Amino acid sequence: MATMNISLPEEMREFVETQIAQEGFTSASEYFRSLIRDAQKRRAKQALEAKFREALESGPPRRMTSEDWAALRREAIEGLAGEEIRP
């Protein structure tokens, strides 16, 4: 894992330490990783919403063909084949 050092004003450092204690994080690194994961999720959600908007604005939906369904099925199977199975 790579290391990154950041500088914070005293007020922000105190805020981070308070959040760590209140939220049950074990370290500042864990807290910042959580913030970054949340930001990544927000960005992914925004991208998905933009795609939905684009689809809605592109006109009426077209009917899926058997080729479309076959491609979707292949993509799903390939995606599942690459996933780690967890209990």
N, C-alpha and C. Protein backbone atom coordinates (compact mmCIF):
# COMPACT_ATOMS: atom_id res chain seq x y z
N MET A 1 0.85 -1.17 0.00
CA MET A 1 0.00 0.00 0.00
C MET A 1 0.89 1.23 0.00
N ALA A 2 0.55 2.20 -0.81
CA ALA A 2 1.33 3.42 -0.91
C ALA A 2 1.03 4.34 0.27
N THR A 3 1.98 5.20 0.59
CA THR A 3 1.83 6.16 1.67
C THR A 3 1.68 7.55 1.09
N MET A 4 0.79 8.34 1.70
CA MET A 4 0.59 9.72 1.29
C MET A 4 0.50 10.58 2.55
N ASN A 5 1.28 11.61 2.61
CA ASN A 5 1.24 12.51 3.76
C ASN A 5 0.44 13.75 3.39
N ILE A 6 -0.39 14.21 4.33
CA ILE A 6 -1.16 15.43 4.09
C ILE A 6 -0.95 16.38 5.26
N SER A 7 -1.10 17.66 4.97
CA SER A 7 -1.01 18.68 6.01
C SER A 7 -2.39 19.26 6.23
N LEU A 8 -2.76 19.40 7.50
CA LEU A 8 -4.07 19.95 7.85
C LEU A 8 -3.90 21.06 8.88
N PRO A 9 -4.75 22.08 8.78
CA PRO A 9 -4.76 23.06 9.86
C PRO A 9 -5.21 22.37 11.16
N GLU A 10 -4.87 22.94 12.27
CA GLU A 10 -5.18 22.35 13.57
C GLU A 10 -6.67 22.04 13.72
N GLU A 11 -7.52 22.93 13.28
CA GLU A 11 -8.97 22.75 13.40
C GLU A 11 -9.43 21.49 12.64
N MET A 12 -8.88 21.29 11.46
CA MET A 12 -9.25 20.10 10.68
C MET A 12 -8.69 18.83 11.31
N ARG A 13 -7.49 18.89 11.82
CA ARG A 13 -6.90 17.73 12.49
C ARG A 13 -7.76 17.32 13.67
N GLU A 14 -8.21 18.29 14.46
CA GLU A 14 -9.08 18.00 15.60
C GLU A 14 -10.40 17.39 15.13
N PHE A 15 -10.94 17.91 14.04
CA PHE A 15 -12.18 17.37 13.49
C PHE A 15 -11.99 15.90 13.10
N VAL A 16 -10.89 15.60 12.41
CA VAL A 16 -10.61 14.23 11.99
C VAL A 16 -10.48 13.33 13.22
N GLU A 17 -9.77 13.77 14.21
CA GLU A 17 -9.60 12.95 15.42
C GLU A 17 -10.94 12.70 16.11
N THR A 18 -11.81 13.70 16.13
CA THR A 18 -13.14 13.54 16.71
C THR A 18 -13.95 12.53 15.92
N GLN A 19 -13.89 12.63 14.59
CA GLN A 19 -14.63 11.69 13.74
C GLN A 19 -14.12 10.27 13.95
N ILE A 20 -12.82 10.11 14.04
CA ILE A 20 -12.23 8.79 14.26
C ILE A 20 -12.80 8.18 15.54
N ALA A 21 -12.83 8.97 16.60
CA ALA A 21 -13.32 8.47 17.89
C ALA A 21 -14.83 8.20 17.84
N GLN A 22 -15.59 9.11 17.26
CA GLN A 22 -17.05 8.97 17.26
C GLN A 22 -17.53 7.86 16.32
N GLU A 23 -16.87 7.68 15.20
CA GLU A 23 -17.32 6.72 14.20
C GLU A 23 -16.67 5.35 14.34
N GLY A 24 -15.72 5.24 15.27
CA GLY A 24 -15.11 3.93 15.53
C GLY A 24 -14.01 3.52 14.57
N PHE A 25 -13.42 4.49 13.89
CA PHE A 25 -12.29 4.17 13.01
C PHE A 25 -11.07 3.90 13.88
N THR A 26 -10.17 3.07 13.35
CA THR A 26 -8.98 2.74 14.13
C THR A 26 -7.81 3.66 13.85
N SER A 27 -7.91 4.42 12.74
CA SER A 27 -6.81 5.31 12.39
C SER A 27 -7.30 6.39 11.43
N ALA A 28 -6.47 7.40 11.27
CA ALA A 28 -6.79 8.45 10.29
C ALA A 28 -6.81 7.87 8.89
N SER A 29 -5.93 6.91 8.62
CA SER A 29 -5.90 6.28 7.30
C SER A 29 -7.23 5.60 7.00
N GLU A 30 -7.75 4.87 7.96
CA GLU A 30 -9.03 4.19 7.77
C GLU A 30 -10.15 5.21 7.52
N TYR A 31 -10.13 6.30 8.26
CA TYR A 31 -11.13 7.36 8.09
C TYR A 31 -11.05 7.96 6.68
N PHE A 32 -9.85 8.29 6.23
CA PHE A 32 -9.70 8.89 4.90
C PHE A 32 -10.04 7.91 3.79
N ARG A 33 -9.70 6.63 3.96
CA ARG A 33 -10.10 5.62 2.97
C ARG A 33 -11.61 5.55 2.86
N SER A 34 -12.30 5.66 4.00
CA SER A 34 -13.76 5.65 4.00
C SER A 34 -14.31 6.86 3.24
N LEU A 35 -13.72 8.02 3.46
CA LEU A 35 -14.15 9.23 2.74
C LEU A 35 -13.94 9.07 1.23
N ILE A 36 -12.82 8.50 0.86
CA ILE A 36 -12.52 8.31 -0.57
C ILE A 36 -13.48 7.30 -1.19
N ARG A 37 -13.76 6.20 -0.48
CA ARG A 37 -14.72 5.22 -1.00
C ARG A 37 -16.09 5.86 -1.19
N ASP A 38 -16.51 6.70 -0.23
CA ASP A 38 -17.79 7.39 -0.35
C ASP A 38 -17.80 8.32 -1.57
N ALA A 39 -16.70 9.03 -1.80
CA ALA A 39 -16.60 9.92 -2.96
C ALA A 39 -16.64 9.11 -4.25
N GLN A 40 -15.99 7.96 -4.27
CA GLN A 40 -16.01 7.11 -5.46
C GLN A 40 -17.43 6.60 -5.74
N LYS A 41 -18.16 6.23 -4.69
CA LYS A 41 -19.54 5.78 -4.86
C LYS A 41 -20.42 6.90 -5.40
N ARG A 42 -20.23 8.11 -4.87
CA ARG A 42 -21.01 9.27 -5.37
C ARG A 42 -20.74 9.51 -6.84
N ARG A 43 -19.47 9.45 -7.22
CA ARG A 43 -19.10 9.67 -8.63
C ARG A 43 -19.71 8.60 -9.52
N ALA A 44 -19.68 7.34 -9.09
CA ALA A 44 -20.27 6.25 -9.87
C ALA A 44 -21.78 6.44 -10.00
N LYS A 45 -22.42 6.88 -8.91
CA LYS A 45 -23.87 7.13 -8.94
C LYS A 45 -24.19 8.27 -9.90
N GLN A 46 -23.38 9.33 -9.87
CA GLN A 46 -23.59 10.45 -10.79
C GLN A 46 -23.44 10.01 -12.24
N ALA A 47 -22.45 9.17 -12.51
CA ALA A 47 -22.23 8.68 -13.88
C ALA A 47 -23.42 7.83 -14.33
N LEU A 48 -23.94 6.99 -13.44
CA LEU A 48 -25.09 6.17 -13.78
C LEU A 48 -26.32 7.02 -14.03
N GLU A 49 -26.52 8.02 -13.18
CA GLU A 49 -27.66 8.93 -13.37
C GLU A 49 -27.55 9.68 -14.70
N ALA A 50 -26.33 10.07 -15.07
CA ALA A 50 -26.13 10.76 -16.35
C ALA A 50 -26.48 9.83 -17.51
N LYS A 51 -26.12 8.55 -17.39
CA LYS A 51 -26.46 7.59 -18.44
C LYS A 51 -27.97 7.40 -18.52
N PHE A 52 -28.65 7.35 -17.38
CA PHE A 52 -30.10 7.22 -17.38
C PHE A 52 -30.75 8.44 -18.05
N ARG A 53 -30.25 9.63 -17.69
CA ARG A 53 -30.77 10.87 -18.31
C ARG A 53 -30.58 10.83 -19.81
N GLU A 54 -29.38 10.43 -20.24
CA GLU A 54 -29.07 10.35 -21.66
C GLU A 54 -30.02 9.38 -22.36
N ALA A 55 -30.27 8.24 -21.72
CA ALA A 55 -31.17 7.25 -22.31
C ALA A 55 -32.59 7.79 -22.41
N LEU A 56 -33.04 8.47 -21.36
CA LEU A 56 -34.39 9.02 -21.37
C LEU A 56 -34.56 10.10 -22.43
N GLU A 57 -33.51 10.88 -22.63
CA GLU A 57 -33.58 11.99 -23.59
C GLU A 57 -33.32 11.54 -25.02
N SER A 58 -32.92 10.29 -25.22
CA SER A 58 -32.57 9.83 -26.56
C SER A 58 -33.79 9.41 -27.38
N GLY A 59 -34.94 9.46 -26.78
CA GLY A 59 -36.14 9.11 -27.52
C GLY A 59 -36.76 7.84 -27.00
N PRO A 60 -37.75 7.34 -27.73
CA PRO A 60 -38.45 6.15 -27.26
C PRO A 60 -37.52 4.93 -27.27
N PRO A 61 -37.78 4.02 -26.35
CA PRO A 61 -36.93 2.83 -26.28
C PRO A 61 -37.13 1.94 -27.51
N ARG A 62 -36.08 1.23 -27.87
CA ARG A 62 -36.22 0.29 -28.98
C ARG A 62 -36.38 -1.10 -28.40
N ARG A 63 -36.97 -1.94 -29.17
CA ARG A 63 -37.19 -3.32 -28.75
C ARG A 63 -35.87 -4.09 -28.81
N MET A 64 -35.61 -4.89 -27.76
CA MET A 64 -34.39 -5.69 -27.75
C MET A 64 -34.55 -6.89 -28.67
N THR A 65 -33.52 -7.14 -29.43
CA THR A 65 -33.52 -8.29 -30.34
C THR A 65 -32.94 -9.51 -29.62
N SER A 66 -33.06 -10.66 -30.25
CA SER A 66 -32.47 -11.87 -29.66
C SER A 66 -30.95 -11.73 -29.58
N GLU A 67 -30.35 -11.00 -30.53
CA GLU A 67 -28.91 -10.77 -30.48
C GLU A 67 -28.55 -9.90 -29.27
N ASP A 68 -29.39 -8.90 -28.98
CA ASP A 68 -29.15 -8.06 -27.80
C ASP A 68 -29.17 -8.90 -26.53
N TRP A 69 -30.18 -9.77 -26.41
CA TRP A 69 -30.30 -10.62 -25.22
C TRP A 69 -29.11 -11.58 -25.11
N ALA A 70 -28.69 -12.14 -26.23
CA ALA A 70 -27.55 -13.07 -26.22
C ALA A 70 -26.28 -12.34 -25.77
N ALA A 71 -26.07 -11.13 -26.26
CA ALA A 71 -24.89 -10.34 -25.88
C ALA A 71 -24.94 -10.02 -24.39
N LEU A 72 -26.12 -9.65 -23.89
CA LEU A 72 -26.28 -9.33 -22.48
C LEU A 72 -26.01 -10.57 -21.62
N ARG A 73 -26.52 -11.72 -22.05
CA ARG A 73 -26.29 -12.97 -21.34
C ARG A 73 -24.80 -13.31 -21.30
N ARG A 74 -24.10 -13.19 -22.45
CA ARG A 74 -22.66 -13.47 -22.49
C ARG A 74 -21.89 -12.54 -21.55
N GLU A 75 -22.24 -11.26 -21.58
CA GLU A 75 -21.56 -10.29 -20.72
C GLU A 75 -21.77 -10.63 -19.24
N ALA A 76 -22.98 -11.03 -18.87
CA ALA A 76 -23.26 -11.38 -17.48
C ALA A 76 -22.48 -12.62 -17.06
N ILE A 77 -22.45 -13.63 -17.92
CA ILE A 77 -21.73 -14.86 -17.61
C ILE A 77 -20.24 -14.59 -17.47
N GLU A 78 -19.69 -13.77 -18.37
CA GLU A 78 -18.27 -13.42 -18.28
C GLU A 78 -17.97 -12.66 -17.01
N GLY A 79 -18.88 -11.76 -16.63
CA GLY A 79 -18.69 -11.00 -15.39
C GLY A 79 -18.73 -11.90 -14.17
N LEU A 80 -19.67 -12.83 -14.15
CA LEU A 80 -19.76 -13.75 -13.02
C LEU A 80 -18.57 -14.69 -12.95
N ALA A 81 -18.05 -15.07 -14.10
CA ALA A 81 -16.90 -15.99 -14.13
C ALA A 81 -15.67 -15.33 -13.53
N GLY A 82 -15.58 -14.00 -13.61
CA GLY A 82 -14.41 -13.30 -13.09
C GLY A 82 -14.54 -12.91 -11.63
N GLU A 83 -15.71 -13.14 -11.01
CA GLU A 83 -15.91 -12.74 -9.61
C GLU A 83 -15.47 -13.83 -8.66
N GLU A 84 -15.00 -13.38 -7.50
CA GLU A 84 -14.64 -14.30 -6.44
C GLU A 84 -15.92 -14.67 -5.71
N ILE A 85 -16.15 -15.94 -5.48
CA ILE A 85 -17.35 -16.39 -4.79
C ILE A 85 -17.11 -16.30 -3.29
N ARG A 86 -18.04 -15.62 -2.61
CA ARG A 86 -17.93 -15.44 -1.17
C ARG A 86 -19.10 -16.13 -0.50
N PRO A 87 -18.88 -16.70 0.68
CA PRO A 87 -19.98 -17.38 1.39
C PRO A 87 -21.02 -16.41 1.87
